[in-house]
C-alpha atoms as a PDB file:
ATOM      1  CA  MET A   1       0.000   0.000   0.000  1.00  0.00           C
ATOM      2  CA  LEU A   2       1.179   3.524  -0.726  1.00  0.00           C
ATOM      3  CA  LYS A   3       1.534   5.862   2.237  1.00  0.00           C
ATOM      4  CA  ILE A   4       0.576   9.408   1.303  1.00  0.00           C
ATOM      5  CA  LYS A   5       1.864  12.461   3.177  1.00  0.00           C
ATOM      6  CA  ASN A   6       0.262  15.830   2.563  1.00  0.00           C
ATOM      7  CA  LEU A   7       2.671  18.672   1.880  1.00  0.00           C
ATOM      8  CA  ARG A   8       2.012  22.363   2.307  1.00  0.00           C
ATOM      9  CA  CYS A   9       1.253  22.570  -1.403  1.00  0.00           C
ATOM     10  CA  SER A  10      -2.260  21.303  -2.011  1.00  0.00           C
ATOM     11  CA  VAL A  11      -1.384  20.094  -5.526  1.00  0.00           C
ATOM     12  CA  GLN A  12       1.797  18.102  -4.964  1.00  0.00           C
ATOM     13  CA  ARG A  13       1.921  15.168  -2.560  1.00  0.00           C
ATOM     14  CA  ALA A  14       4.832  13.067  -1.332  1.00  0.00           C
ATOM     15  CA  VAL A  15       4.451   9.354  -1.983  1.00  0.00           C
ATOM     16  CA  HIS A  16       6.348   6.840   0.127  1.00  0.00           C
ATOM     17  CA  THR A  17       8.092   4.198  -1.984  1.00  0.00           C
ATOM     18  CA  ARG A  18      10.978   1.726  -1.853  1.00  0.00           C
ATOM     19  CA  GLN A  19      13.897   1.013  -4.165  1.00  0.00           C
ATOM     20  CA  LEU A  20      17.106  -1.037  -4.309  1.00  0.00           C
ATOM     21  CA  ALA A  21      19.989   1.403  -4.582  1.00  0.00           C
ATOM     22  CA  TYR A  22      23.787   1.423  -4.395  1.00  0.00           C
ATOM     23  CA  GLU A  23      26.047   4.317  -3.442  1.00  0.00           C
ATOM     24  CA  GLY A  24      29.293   2.802  -4.704  1.00  0.00           C
ATOM     25  CA  TYR A  25      30.580  -0.155  -6.707  1.00  0.00           C
ATOM     26  CA  GLY A  26      31.143  -3.480  -5.000  1.00  0.00           C
ATOM     27  CA  ASN A  27      29.889  -7.018  -4.464  1.00  0.00           C
ATOM     28  CA  PRO A  28      26.205  -6.754  -5.471  1.00  0.00           C
ATOM     29  CA  PRO A  29      24.592  -8.537  -2.473  1.00  0.00           C
ATOM     30  CA  GLU A  30      26.491  -6.191  -0.160  1.00  0.00           C
ATOM     31  CA  ALA A  31      26.414  -3.013  -2.256  1.00  0.00           C
ATOM     32  CA  ILE A  32      22.645  -3.027  -2.815  1.00  0.00           C
ATOM     33  CA  GLN A  33      20.526  -1.564  -0.021  1.00  0.00           C
ATOM     34  CA  LEU A  34      16.744  -1.322   0.357  1.00  0.00           C
ATOM     35  CA  LYS A  35      15.891   2.374   0.668  1.00  0.00           C
ATOM     36  CA  SER A  36      12.612   4.054   1.591  1.00  0.00           C
ATOM     37  CA  ILE A  37      12.141   7.495   0.039  1.00  0.00           C
ATOM     38  CA  ASN A  38       9.446  10.065  -0.671  1.00  0.00           C
ATOM     39  CA  ILE A  39       8.836  11.304  -4.208  1.00  0.00           C
ATOM     40  CA  GLY A  40       6.327  13.712  -5.700  1.00  0.00           C
ATOM     41  CA  ASP A  41       3.315  12.148  -7.345  1.00  0.00           C
ATOM     42  CA  LYS A  42       2.749  14.917  -9.910  1.00  0.00           C
ATOM     43  CA  PRO A  43       4.917  14.608 -13.018  1.00  0.00           C
ATOM     44  CA  ALA A  44       6.406  17.739 -14.540  1.00  0.00           C
ATOM     45  CA  ALA A  45       5.368  18.699 -18.081  1.00  0.00           C
ATOM     46  CA  ASP A  46       7.787  16.251 -19.758  1.00  0.00           C
ATOM     47  CA  GLN A  47       7.640  13.488 -17.126  1.00  0.00           C
ATOM     48  CA  VAL A  48       5.737  10.244 -16.583  1.00  0.00           C
ATOM     49  CA  PHE A  49       4.859   8.710 -13.218  1.00  0.00           C
ATOM     50  CA  VAL A  50       5.370   4.930 -13.405  1.00  0.00           C
ATOM     51  CA  LYS A  51       4.370   2.083 -11.098  1.00  0.00           C
ATOM     52  CA  TRP A  52       6.979  -0.594 -11.792  1.00  0.00           C
ATOM     53  CA  ILE A  53       5.507  -4.101 -11.807  1.00  0.00           C
ATOM     54  CA  ALA A  54       8.326  -6.628 -12.337  1.00  0.00           C
ATOM     55  CA  ALA A  55      12.055  -6.540 -13.039  1.00  0.00           C
ATOM     56  CA  PRO A  56      14.601  -9.350 -13.498  1.00  0.00           C
ATOM     57  CA  ILE A  57      18.152  -9.668 -12.208  1.00  0.00           C
ATOM     58  CA  ASN A  58      20.375  -9.925 -15.287  1.00  0.00           C
ATOM     59  CA  PRO A  59      24.152 -10.479 -15.486  1.00  0.00           C
ATOM     60  CA  ALA A  60      24.500  -6.914 -16.808  1.00  0.00           C
ATOM     61  CA  ASP A  61      22.811  -5.613 -13.643  1.00  0.00           C
ATOM     62  CA  LEU A  62      25.395  -7.354 -11.478  1.00  0.00           C
ATOM     63  CA  ASN A  63      28.271  -6.144 -13.655  1.00  0.00           C
ATOM     64  CA  GLN A  64      26.926  -2.600 -13.433  1.00  0.00           C
ATOM     65  CA  ILE A  65      26.880  -2.716  -9.620  1.00  0.00           C
ATOM     66  CA  GLN A  66      30.433  -4.095  -9.702  1.00  0.00           C
ATOM     67  CA  GLY A  67      31.479  -1.149 -11.851  1.00  0.00           C
ATOM     68  CA  VAL A  68      32.641  -3.239 -14.832  1.00  0.00           C
ATOM     69  CA  TYR A  69      29.719  -2.659 -17.223  1.00  0.00           C
ATOM     70  CA  PRO A  70      30.060  -0.036 -19.995  1.00  0.00           C
ATOM     71  CA  VAL A  71      26.834   1.736 -18.925  1.00  0.00           C
ATOM     72  CA  LYS A  72      27.520   3.504 -15.618  1.00  0.00           C
ATOM     73  CA  PRO A  73      24.638   5.493 -14.086  1.00  0.00           C
ATOM     74  CA  THR A  74      25.452   8.478 -11.890  1.00  0.00           C
ATOM     75  CA  LEU A  75      25.894   7.336  -8.292  1.00  0.00           C
ATOM     76  CA  PRO A  76      23.985   6.826  -6.096  1.00  0.00           C
ATOM     77  CA  ALA A  77      21.884   4.756  -8.495  1.00  0.00           C
ATOM     78  CA  VAL A  78      18.922   2.387  -8.496  1.00  0.00           C
ATOM     79  CA  GLY A  79      19.724  -1.130  -9.697  1.00  0.00           C
ATOM     80  CA  GLY A  80      18.124  -2.896 -12.642  1.00  0.00           C
ATOM     81  CA  ASN A  81      18.190  -2.244 -16.381  1.00  0.00           C
ATOM     82  CA  GLU A  82      15.139  -4.215 -17.471  1.00  0.00           C
ATOM     83  CA  GLY A  83      11.524  -4.577 -16.389  1.00  0.00           C
ATOM     84  CA  PHE A  84       8.109  -3.128 -17.102  1.00  0.00           C
ATOM     85  CA  GLY A  85       5.672  -0.813 -15.419  1.00  0.00           C
ATOM     86  CA  LYS A  86       2.323   0.924 -15.764  1.00  0.00           C
ATOM     87  CA  VAL A  87       1.972   4.638 -16.387  1.00  0.00           C
ATOM     88  CA  ILE A  88       0.001   6.224 -13.519  1.00  0.00           C
ATOM     89  CA  SER A  89      -0.016   9.799 -14.852  1.00  0.00           C
ATOM     90  CA  VAL A  90       1.747  11.976 -17.429  1.00  0.00           C
ATOM     91  CA  GLY A  91       2.839  15.595 -17.709  1.00  0.00           C
ATOM     92  CA  SER A  92       1.061  18.096 -19.916  1.00  0.00           C
ATOM     93  CA  ASN A  93       3.609  17.862 -22.764  1.00  0.00           C
ATOM     94  CA  VAL A  94       3.873  14.050 -22.922  1.00  0.00           C
ATOM     95  CA  LYS A  95       2.621  12.601 -26.212  1.00  0.00           C
ATOM     96  CA  SER A  96       4.189   9.116 -26.642  1.00  0.00           C
ATOM     97  CA  VAL A  97       2.453   7.398 -23.683  1.00  0.00           C
ATOM     98  CA  LYS A  98      -0.717   7.889 -21.644  1.00  0.00           C
ATOM     99  CA  GLU A  99      -2.177   6.815 -18.339  1.00  0.00           C
ATOM    100  CA  GLY A 100      -2.603   3.037 -18.194  1.00  0.00           C
ATOM    101  CA  ASP A 101       0.052   2.239 -20.823  1.00  0.00           C
ATOM    102  CA  HIS A 102       2.714  -0.378 -20.124  1.00  0.00           C
ATOM    103  CA  VAL A 103       6.288   0.774 -20.604  1.00  0.00           C
ATOM    104  CA  ILE A 104       9.867  -0.505 -20.422  1.00  0.00           C
ATOM    105  CA  PRO A 105      13.128   1.461 -20.135  1.00  0.00           C
ATOM    106  CA  ASN A 106      14.114   3.204 -23.332  1.00  0.00           C
ATOM    107  CA  LYS A 107      17.798   2.475 -22.639  1.00  0.00           C
ATOM    108  CA  SER A 108      20.018   0.790 -20.054  1.00  0.00           C
ATOM    109  CA  GLY A 109      20.713   2.507 -16.750  1.00  0.00           C
ATOM    110  CA  LEU A 110      17.213   3.695 -15.814  1.00  0.00           C
ATOM    111  CA  GLY A 111      16.970   1.702 -12.582  1.00  0.00           C
ATOM    112  CA  THR A 112      13.965  -0.629 -12.483  1.00  0.00           C
ATOM    113  CA  TRP A 113      14.352  -2.189  -9.026  1.00  0.00           C
ATOM    114  CA  ARG A 114      11.874   0.284  -7.537  1.00  0.00           C
ATOM    115  CA  GLU A 115       8.178   0.487  -6.814  1.00  0.00           C
ATOM    116  CA  LEU A 116       7.550   3.969  -8.224  1.00  0.00           C
ATOM    117  CA  GLY A 117       9.469   6.369 -10.415  1.00  0.00           C
ATOM    118  CA  LEU A 118       9.227   9.819 -11.985  1.00  0.00           C
ATOM    119  CA  HIS A 119      10.932   9.602 -15.359  1.00  0.00           C
ATOM    120  CA  SER A 120      11.445  11.738 -18.413  1.00  0.00           C
ATOM    121  CA  GLU A 121       9.158  10.815 -21.309  1.00  0.00           C
ATOM    122  CA  THR A 122      12.276   9.872 -23.310  1.00  0.00           C
ATOM    123  CA  ASP A 123      13.360   7.390 -20.612  1.00  0.00           C
ATOM    124  CA  VAL A 124      10.498   4.956 -21.282  1.00  0.00           C
ATOM    125  CA  PHE A 125       9.168   3.101 -24.333  1.00  0.00           C
ATOM    126  CA  LEU A 126       5.648   1.855 -24.999  1.00  0.00           C
ATOM    127  CA  ILE A 127       4.956  -1.898 -25.219  1.00  0.00           C
ATOM    128  CA  ASP A 128       1.841  -4.020 -25.807  1.00  0.00           C
ATOM    129  CA  ASN A 129      -0.469  -3.825 -22.781  1.00  0.00           C
ATOM    130  CA  GLU A 130      -1.715  -7.354 -23.445  1.00  0.00           C
ATOM    131  CA  LEU A 131       1.678  -9.010 -22.887  1.00  0.00           C
ATOM    132  CA  PRO A 132       1.560 -11.259 -19.815  1.00  0.00           C
ATOM    133  CA  LEU A 133       3.945 -10.372 -16.983  1.00  0.00           C
ATOM    134  CA  GLU A 134       6.305 -13.271 -17.748  1.00  0.00           C
ATOM    135  CA  TYR A 135       6.981 -11.822 -21.208  1.00  0.00           C
ATOM    136  CA  ALA A 136       6.784  -8.105 -20.428  1.00  0.00           C
ATOM    137  CA  ALA A 137       9.317  -8.261 -17.575  1.00  0.00           C
ATOM    138  CA  VAL A 138      12.063  -9.542 -19.896  1.00  0.00           C
ATOM    139  CA  PHE A 139      10.957  -7.988 -23.178  1.00  0.00           C
ATOM    140  CA  GLN A 140      13.787  -5.493 -23.603  1.00  0.00           C
ATOM    141  CA  VAL A 141      17.010  -7.542 -23.770  1.00  0.00           C
ATOM    142  CA  ASN A 142      17.084 -11.230 -24.704  1.00  0.00           C
ATOM    143  CA  PRO A 143      14.267 -11.580 -27.264  1.00  0.00           C
ATOM    144  CA  PRO A 144      15.404  -8.439 -29.173  1.00  0.00           C
ATOM    145  CA  THR A 145      19.044  -9.613 -29.046  1.00  0.00           C
ATOM    146  CA  ALA A 146      18.105 -12.913 -30.691  1.00  0.00           C
ATOM    147  CA  TYR A 147      15.795 -11.159 -33.163  1.00  0.00           C
ATOM    148  CA  ARG A 148      18.343  -8.572 -34.300  1.00  0.00           C
ATOM    149  CA  MET A 149      21.183 -11.067 -34.710  1.00  0.00           C
ATOM    150  CA  LEU A 150      18.989 -13.229 -36.922  1.00  0.00           C
ATOM    151  CA  LYS A 151      17.784 -10.230 -38.955  1.00  0.00           C
ATOM    152  CA  ASP A 152      20.695  -7.800 -39.286  1.00  0.00           C
ATOM    153  CA  PHE A 153      23.840  -9.639 -40.417  1.00  0.00           C
ATOM    154  CA  ILE A 154      22.915 -12.272 -43.009  1.00  0.00           C
ATOM    155  CA  HIS A 155      19.827 -12.425 -45.204  1.00  0.00           C
ATOM    156  CA  LEU A 156      18.414 -15.726 -43.959  1.00  0.00           C
ATOM    157  CA  LYS A 157      15.645 -17.599 -45.722  1.00  0.00           C
ATOM    158  CA  LYS A 158      13.685 -20.733 -44.951  1.00  0.00           C
ATOM    159  CA  GLY A 159      15.905 -23.815 -44.860  1.00  0.00           C
ATOM    160  CA  ASP A 160      19.120 -21.917 -44.046  1.00  0.00           C
ATOM    161  CA  THR A 161      21.195 -23.058 -41.069  1.00  0.00           C
ATOM    162  CA  VAL A 162      22.328 -21.113 -37.998  1.00  0.00           C
ATOM    163  CA  VAL A 163      24.796 -22.513 -35.460  1.00  0.00           C
ATOM    164  CA  GLN A 164      25.260 -21.182 -31.925  1.00  0.00           C
ATOM    165  CA  ASN A 165      27.166 -21.981 -28.748  1.00  0.00           C
ATOM    166  CA  GLY A 166      25.720 -21.290 -25.306  1.00  0.00           C
ATOM    167  CA  ALA A 167      22.475 -22.614 -26.729  1.00  0.00           C
ATOM    168  CA  ASN A 168      20.919 -23.164 -23.292  1.00  0.00           C
ATOM    169  CA  SER A 169      21.384 -19.503 -22.343  1.00  0.00           C
ATOM    170  CA  ALA A 170      18.413 -17.143 -22.247  1.00  0.00           C
ATOM    171  CA  VAL A 171      19.360 -15.647 -25.621  1.00  0.00           C
ATOM    172  CA  GLY A 172      20.136 -19.094 -27.022  1.00  0.00           C
ATOM    173  CA  LYS A 173      16.639 -20.341 -26.238  1.00  0.00           C
ATOM    174  CA  GLN A 174      15.131 -17.276 -27.914  1.00  0.00           C
ATOM    175  CA  VAL A 175      17.274 -17.944 -31.000  1.00  0.00           C
ATOM    176  CA  ILE A 176      15.999 -21.526 -31.192  1.00  0.00           C
ATOM    177  CA  GLN A 177      12.370 -20.445 -31.047  1.00  0.00           C
ATOM    178  CA  ILE A 178      12.670 -17.613 -33.564  1.00  0.00           C
ATOM    179  CA  CYS A 179      14.519 -19.949 -35.956  1.00  0.00           C
ATOM    180  CA  ARG A 180      11.691 -22.464 -35.647  1.00  0.00           C
ATOM    181  CA  ILE A 181       9.089 -19.765 -36.324  1.00  0.00           C
ATOM    182  CA  LEU A 182      10.973 -18.479 -39.382  1.00  0.00           C
ATOM    183  CA  GLY A 183      11.715 -21.948 -40.787  1.00  0.00           C
ATOM    184  CA  ILE A 184      15.477 -21.684 -40.180  1.00  0.00           C
ATOM    185  CA  LYS A 185      17.440 -24.734 -39.008  1.00  0.00           C
ATOM    186  CA  SER A 186      19.404 -24.364 -35.768  1.00  0.00           C
ATOM    187  CA  VAL A 187      22.473 -26.309 -34.654  1.00  0.00           C
ATOM    188  CA  ASN A 188      23.013 -25.807 -30.944  1.00  0.00           C
ATOM    189  CA  VAL A 189      26.206 -26.363 -28.971  1.00  0.00           C
ATOM    190  CA  VAL A 190      26.108 -26.947 -25.192  1.00  0.00           C
ATOM    191  CA  ARG A 191      28.597 -28.086 -22.552  1.00  0.00           C
ATOM    192  CA  ASN A 192      28.466 -31.745 -21.533  1.00  0.00           C
ATOM    193  CA  ARG A 193      26.748 -32.318 -18.187  1.00  0.00           C
ATOM    194  CA  ASP A 194      25.076 -34.986 -16.056  1.00  0.00           C
ATOM    195  CA  ASN A 195      21.565 -34.040 -17.183  1.00  0.00           C
ATOM    196  CA  LEU A 196      22.469 -33.726 -20.869  1.00  0.00           C
ATOM    197  CA  GLU A 197      19.527 -35.829 -22.049  1.00  0.00           C
ATOM    198  CA  ASP A 198      17.082 -33.581 -20.216  1.00  0.00           C
ATOM    199  CA  LEU A 199      18.686 -30.463 -21.689  1.00  0.00           C
ATOM    200  CA  VAL A 200      18.649 -31.893 -25.218  1.00  0.00           C
ATOM    201  CA  LYS A 201      14.951 -32.696 -24.835  1.00  0.00           C
ATOM    202  CA  GLU A 202      14.212 -29.190 -23.517  1.00  0.00           C
ATOM    203  CA  LEU A 203      15.970 -27.508 -26.452  1.00  0.00           C
ATOM    204  CA  LYS A 204      14.394 -29.816 -29.023  1.00  0.00           C
ATOM    205  CA  ASP A 205      10.978 -29.135 -27.517  1.00  0.00           C
ATOM    206  CA  LEU A 206      11.684 -25.440 -28.187  1.00  0.00           C
ATOM    207  CA  GLY A 207      12.466 -26.276 -31.804  1.00  0.00           C
ATOM    208  CA  ALA A 208      16.182 -27.104 -31.983  1.00  0.00           C
ATOM    209  CA  ASP A 209      17.085 -29.209 -35.030  1.00  0.00           C
ATOM    210  CA  ASP A 210      20.402 -30.475 -33.653  1.00  0.00           C
ATOM    211  CA  VAL A 211      21.992 -30.295 -30.205  1.00  0.00           C
ATOM    212  CA  ILE A 212      25.676 -31.242 -29.854  1.00  0.00           C
ATOM    213  CA  THR A 213      28.246 -30.961 -27.086  1.00  0.00           C
ATOM    214  CA  GLN A 214      31.413 -28.871 -27.197  1.00  0.00           C
ATOM    215  CA  GLU A 215      33.377 -32.113 -27.506  1.00  0.00           C
ATOM    216  CA  GLU A 216      31.358 -33.142 -30.550  1.00  0.00           C
ATOM    217  CA  LEU A 217      31.989 -29.704 -32.038  1.00  0.00           C
ATOM    218  CA  TYR A 218      35.736 -30.073 -31.522  1.00  0.00           C
ATOM    219  CA  GLY A 219      35.698 -33.657 -32.889  1.00  0.00           C
ATOM    220  CA  ARG A 220      34.225 -32.450 -36.207  1.00  0.00           C
ATOM    221  CA  LYS A 221      32.479 -35.771 -36.698  1.00  0.00           C
ATOM    222  CA  LYS A 222      29.135 -34.186 -37.537  1.00  0.00           C
ATOM    223  CA  LYS A 223      28.839 -32.143 -40.716  1.00  0.00           C
ATOM    224  CA  PHE A 224      26.457 -29.234 -41.115  1.00  0.00           C
ATOM    225  CA  PRO A 225      26.536 -27.963 -44.692  1.00  0.00           C
ATOM    226  CA  GLY A 226      25.368 -24.492 -45.664  1.00  0.00           C
ATOM    227  CA  VAL A 227      25.839 -22.691 -42.328  1.00  0.00           C
ATOM    228  CA  LYS A 228      25.227 -19.003 -43.004  1.00  0.00           C
ATOM    229  CA  LEU A 229      25.362 -17.523 -39.501  1.00  0.00           C
ATOM    230  CA  ALA A 230      27.177 -18.431 -36.282  1.00  0.00           C
ATOM    231  CA  LEU A 231      26.266 -16.833 -32.931  1.00  0.00           C
ATOM    232  CA  ASN A 232      29.033 -16.820 -30.332  1.00  0.00           C
ATOM    233  CA  CYS A 233      28.653 -15.992 -26.633  1.00  0.00           C
ATOM    234  CA  VAL A 234      31.582 -18.084 -25.374  1.00  0.00           C
ATOM    235  CA  GLY A 235      34.787 -17.150 -27.205  1.00  0.00           C
ATOM    236  CA  GLY A 236      38.098 -19.035 -27.057  1.00  0.00           C
ATOM    237  CA  ARG A 237      38.312 -22.489 -28.602  1.00  0.00           C
ATOM    238  CA  SER A 238      34.534 -22.711 -28.969  1.00  0.00           C
ATOM    239  CA  SER A 239      34.479 -19.651 -31.244  1.00  0.00           C
ATOM    240  CA  LEU A 240      37.306 -21.095 -33.357  1.00  0.00           C
ATOM    241  CA  PHE A 241      35.433 -24.286 -34.132  1.00  0.00           C
ATOM    242  CA  LEU A 242      32.099 -22.489 -34.457  1.00  0.00           C
ATOM    243  CA  ALA A 243      33.495 -20.191 -37.153  1.00  0.00           C
ATOM    244  CA  SER A 244      34.978 -23.238 -38.913  1.00  0.00           C
ATOM    245  CA  LEU A 245      31.433 -24.428 -39.663  1.00  0.00           C
ATOM    246  CA  LEU A 246      30.594 -21.335 -41.724  1.00  0.00           C
ATOM    247  CA  ASP A 247      29.983 -21.666 -45.449  1.00  0.00           C
ATOM    248  CA  HIS A 248      31.228 -19.188 -48.088  1.00  0.00           C
ATOM    249  CA  GLY A 249      30.394 -15.630 -47.083  1.00  0.00           C
ATOM    250  CA  GLY A 250      29.125 -16.669 -43.680  1.00  0.00           C
ATOM    251  CA  CYS A 251      29.290 -14.453 -40.613  1.00  0.00           C
ATOM    252  CA  MET A 252      30.027 -15.119 -36.936  1.00  0.00           C
ATOM    253  CA  VAL A 253      28.432 -12.619 -34.556  1.00  0.00           C
ATOM    254  CA  THR A 254      29.864 -12.373 -31.044  1.00  0.00           C
ATOM    255  CA  TYR A 255      27.564 -11.047 -28.324  1.00  0.00           C
ATOM    256  CA  GLY A 256      29.194 -12.471 -25.189  1.00  0.00           C
ATOM    257  CA  GLY A 257      32.427 -13.907 -23.802  1.00  0.00           C
ATOM    258  CA  MET A 258      31.574 -16.386 -21.072  1.00  0.00           C
ATOM    259  CA  SER A 259      34.952 -18.159 -21.300  1.00  0.00           C
ATOM    260  CA  LYS A 260      36.746 -14.811 -20.782  1.00  0.00           C
ATOM    261  CA  GLN A 261      39.028 -15.883 -23.625  1.00  0.00           C
ATOM    262  CA  PRO A 262      39.650 -13.897 -26.850  1.00  0.00           C
ATOM    263  CA  VAL A 263      37.594 -14.732 -29.910  1.00  0.00           C
ATOM    264  CA  ASP A 264      39.563 -17.103 -32.160  1.00  0.00           C
ATOM    265  CA  CYS A 265      39.158 -17.312 -35.923  1.00  0.00           C
ATOM    266  CA  PRO A 266      40.272 -20.072 -38.340  1.00  0.00           C
ATOM    267  CA  THR A 267      42.702 -18.731 -40.928  1.00  0.00           C
ATOM    268  CA  GLY A 268      41.613 -20.952 -43.825  1.00  0.00           C
ATOM    269  CA  PRO A 269      37.896 -20.053 -43.854  1.00  0.00           C
ATOM    270  CA  LEU A 270      38.753 -16.395 -43.255  1.00  0.00           C
ATOM    271  CA  ILE A 271      40.834 -16.349 -46.457  1.00  0.00           C
ATOM    272  CA  PHE A 272      39.268 -18.916 -48.734  1.00  0.00           C
ATOM    273  CA  LYS A 273      35.606 -18.671 -47.676  1.00  0.00           C
ATOM    274  CA  ASP A 274      35.600 -14.918 -47.013  1.00  0.00           C
ATOM    275  CA  ILE A 275      33.852 -15.344 -43.671  1.00  0.00           C
ATOM    276  CA  SER A 276      33.387 -12.274 -41.500  1.00  0.00           C
ATOM    277  CA  LEU A 277      33.389 -11.566 -37.770  1.00  0.00           C
ATOM    278  CA  ARG A 278      31.050  -9.018 -36.185  1.00  0.00           C
ATOM    279  CA  GLY A 279      30.077  -7.938 -32.691  1.00  0.00           C
ATOM    280  CA  PHE A 280      26.652  -7.092 -31.321  1.00  0.00           C
ATOM    281  CA  TRP A 281      25.438  -5.271 -28.194  1.00  0.00           C
ATOM    282  CA  MET A 282      21.712  -4.665 -27.811  1.00  0.00           C
ATOM    283  CA  SER A 283      22.232  -1.474 -25.793  1.00  0.00           C
ATOM    284  CA  ARG A 284      24.207   0.076 -28.635  1.00  0.00           C
ATOM    285  CA  TRP A 285      21.497  -0.863 -31.144  1.00  0.00           C
ATOM    286  CA  TYR A 286      18.973   1.034 -29.028  1.00  0.00           C
ATOM    287  CA  ASP A 287      21.353   4.002 -28.742  1.00  0.00           C
ATOM    288  CA  ILE A 288      21.826   4.457 -32.494  1.00  0.00           C
ATOM    289  CA  GLN A 289      18.143   4.343 -33.478  1.00  0.00           C
ATOM    290  CA  LYS A 290      17.140   7.810 -34.670  1.00  0.00           C
ATOM    291  CA  THR A 291      13.421   7.049 -34.946  1.00  0.00           C
ATOM    292  CA  PRO A 292      11.203   4.508 -33.126  1.00  0.00           C
ATOM    293  CA  GLU A 293       9.750   2.746 -36.185  1.00  0.00           C
ATOM    294  CA  LYS A 294      12.257  -0.105 -36.443  1.00  0.00           C
ATOM    295  CA  ARG A 295      11.968  -0.823 -32.736  1.00  0.00           C
ATOM    296  CA  GLN A 296       8.183  -0.692 -32.867  1.00  0.00           C
ATOM    297  CA  GLU A 297       8.147  -3.136 -35.789  1.00  0.00           C
ATOM    298  CA  MET A 298      10.384  -5.581 -33.887  1.00  0.00           C
ATOM    299  CA  TYR A 299       8.321  -5.305 -30.703  1.00  0.00           C
ATOM    300  CA  LYS A 300       5.088  -5.867 -32.630  1.00  0.00           C
ATOM    301  CA  GLU A 301       6.357  -9.095 -34.190  1.00  0.00           C
ATOM    302  CA  LEU A 302       7.851 -10.404 -30.944  1.00  0.00           C
ATOM    303  CA  ALA A 303       4.677  -9.588 -29.006  1.00  0.00           C
ATOM    304  CA  GLU A 304       2.527 -11.425 -31.561  1.00  0.00           C
ATOM    305  CA  TRP A 305       4.685 -14.545 -31.258  1.00  0.00           C
ATOM    306  CA  MET A 306       4.532 -14.383 -27.471  1.00  0.00           C
ATOM    307  CA  LYS A 307       0.783 -13.801 -27.205  1.00  0.00           C
ATOM    308  CA  SER A 308       0.118 -16.653 -29.629  1.00  0.00           C
ATOM    309  CA  GLY A 309       2.264 -19.025 -27.578  1.00  0.00           C
ATOM    310  CA  GLU A 310       4.797 -19.576 -30.357  1.00  0.00           C
ATOM    311  CA  MET A 311       7.452 -18.293 -27.948  1.00  0.00           C
ATOM    312  CA  LYS A 312       7.273 -19.949 -24.536  1.00  0.00           C
ATOM    313  CA  LYS A 313       7.232 -18.151 -21.201  1.00  0.00           C
ATOM    314  CA  GLN A 314      10.441 -18.190 -19.213  1.00  0.00           C
ATOM    315  CA  ALA A 315      10.544 -19.778 -15.755  1.00  0.00           C
ATOM    316  CA  PHE A 316      11.407 -17.444 -12.852  1.00  0.00           C
ATOM    317  CA  VAL A 317      12.095 -17.451  -9.142  1.00  0.00           C
ATOM    318  CA  ASN A 318       9.870 -14.667  -7.786  1.00  0.00           C
ATOM    319  CA  ASN A 319      11.208 -12.339  -5.084  1.00  0.00           C
ATOM    320  CA  ARG A 320      10.141  -9.300  -3.098  1.00  0.00           C
ATOM    321  CA  LEU A 321      12.416  -6.302  -2.607  1.00  0.00           C
ATOM    322  CA  GLU A 322      13.089  -7.262   1.000  1.00  0.00           C
ATOM    323  CA  ASP A 323      14.548 -10.568  -0.260  1.00  0.00           C
ATOM    324  CA  HIS A 324      17.155  -8.734  -2.332  1.00  0.00           C
ATOM    325  CA  ALA A 325      20.343 -10.098  -0.717  1.00  0.00           C
ATOM    326  CA  ARG A 326      19.373 -13.732  -1.241  1.00  0.00           C
ATOM    327  CA  ALA A 327      17.913 -13.090  -4.696  1.00  0.00           C
ATOM    328  CA  ILE A 328      21.041 -11.292  -5.934  1.00  0.00           C
ATOM    329  CA  GLU A 329      23.322 -13.942  -4.453  1.00  0.00           C
ATOM    330  CA  ASP A 330      21.284 -16.670  -6.149  1.00  0.00           C
ATOM    331  CA  ALA A 331      21.453 -14.739  -9.431  1.00  0.00           C
ATOM    332  CA  GLN A 332      25.239 -14.801  -9.128  1.00  0.00           C
ATOM    333  CA  ASN A 333      25.543 -18.484  -8.266  1.00  0.00           C
ATOM    334  CA  LYS A 334      22.461 -20.325  -9.536  1.00  0.00           C
ATOM    335  CA  HIS A 335      21.605 -20.166 -13.216  1.00  0.00           C
ATOM    336  CA  GLU A 336      18.788 -22.677 -13.675  1.00  0.00           C
ATOM    337  CA  LYS A 337      16.086 -19.996 -13.393  1.00  0.00           C
ATOM    338  CA  LYS A 338      16.198 -16.205 -13.640  1.00  0.00           C
ATOM    339  CA  GLN A 339      15.526 -14.234 -10.467  1.00  0.00           C
ATOM    340  CA  LEU A 340      12.630 -11.773 -10.750  1.00  0.00           C
ATOM    341  CA  PHE A 341      11.543  -8.939  -8.460  1.00  0.00           C
ATOM    342  CA  LEU A 342       7.757  -8.561  -8.178  1.00  0.00           C
ATOM    343  CA  LEU A 343       7.199  -4.883  -7.419  1.00  0.00           C
ATOM    344  CA  ASP A 344       3.430  -4.478  -7.607  1.00  0.00           C
END
């Protein structure tokens, strides 16, 4: 419940709210503190008043609190780069959203681990109000990352083949599903593990055509002709063998470096097959968009797939703000399910 305190001004009121903030960089479970503050409930002319509903804990959030992420909000800062909320009221000059709309951050660094926020109109972006919470809370990062990598580097058509490592990651699972929807074959590389059969079944249920282990990739026993696009989030030896699968004119896109090793490239295919290496960061894509149309088009297509059930809901561990220390620690050490703050 919101606690309202009347101020001397009869128009503006102070609203009591909570947020997870950090005053300096450090170990996230220790650096993050639950703060209670009062904010005005009347947005200025170019502001929107947002009730945040749900926000995940992503690796980028933890890196940001540690001070090693490229996007560094001014300190003290509120944690969280992703999530969605409902617009409670808008200022007189606001045109892009209205009361009742659902919104997500326009860019990284907004701070979504909070119950309420007064934000500039340009800090938020409209999404489909009909998206269920499980989709809306994680709509900004992983699905668009998969979408853009499949759309922006190679002109893929039905029957083409994409190969990726880290296929059981959040982005990897989105790639599998979008490939299935678009009629593109996916070859998916994962690390060997005790529950490999269960993981293979999970990925094939999402639409994976082939699932192989790193060892099978290195052994080169399986052949995958006509690979147009490789998606790399691991680096090191894995990237070397992944790029080796590319056909003439193919492209390997790197969007992560989980091994903390440099990206390796095979000399032969680089020369004789004219393969190319590119990098991708979703935050930069958002930064360089001059108009909203391309983003709106992407969001419309993703939302349609989600609402129709063609893209499956992600499983979460739900947390309240007061559970932040355990939730953040689990996000650092347990990766089976994403941690989610329920803020409503």
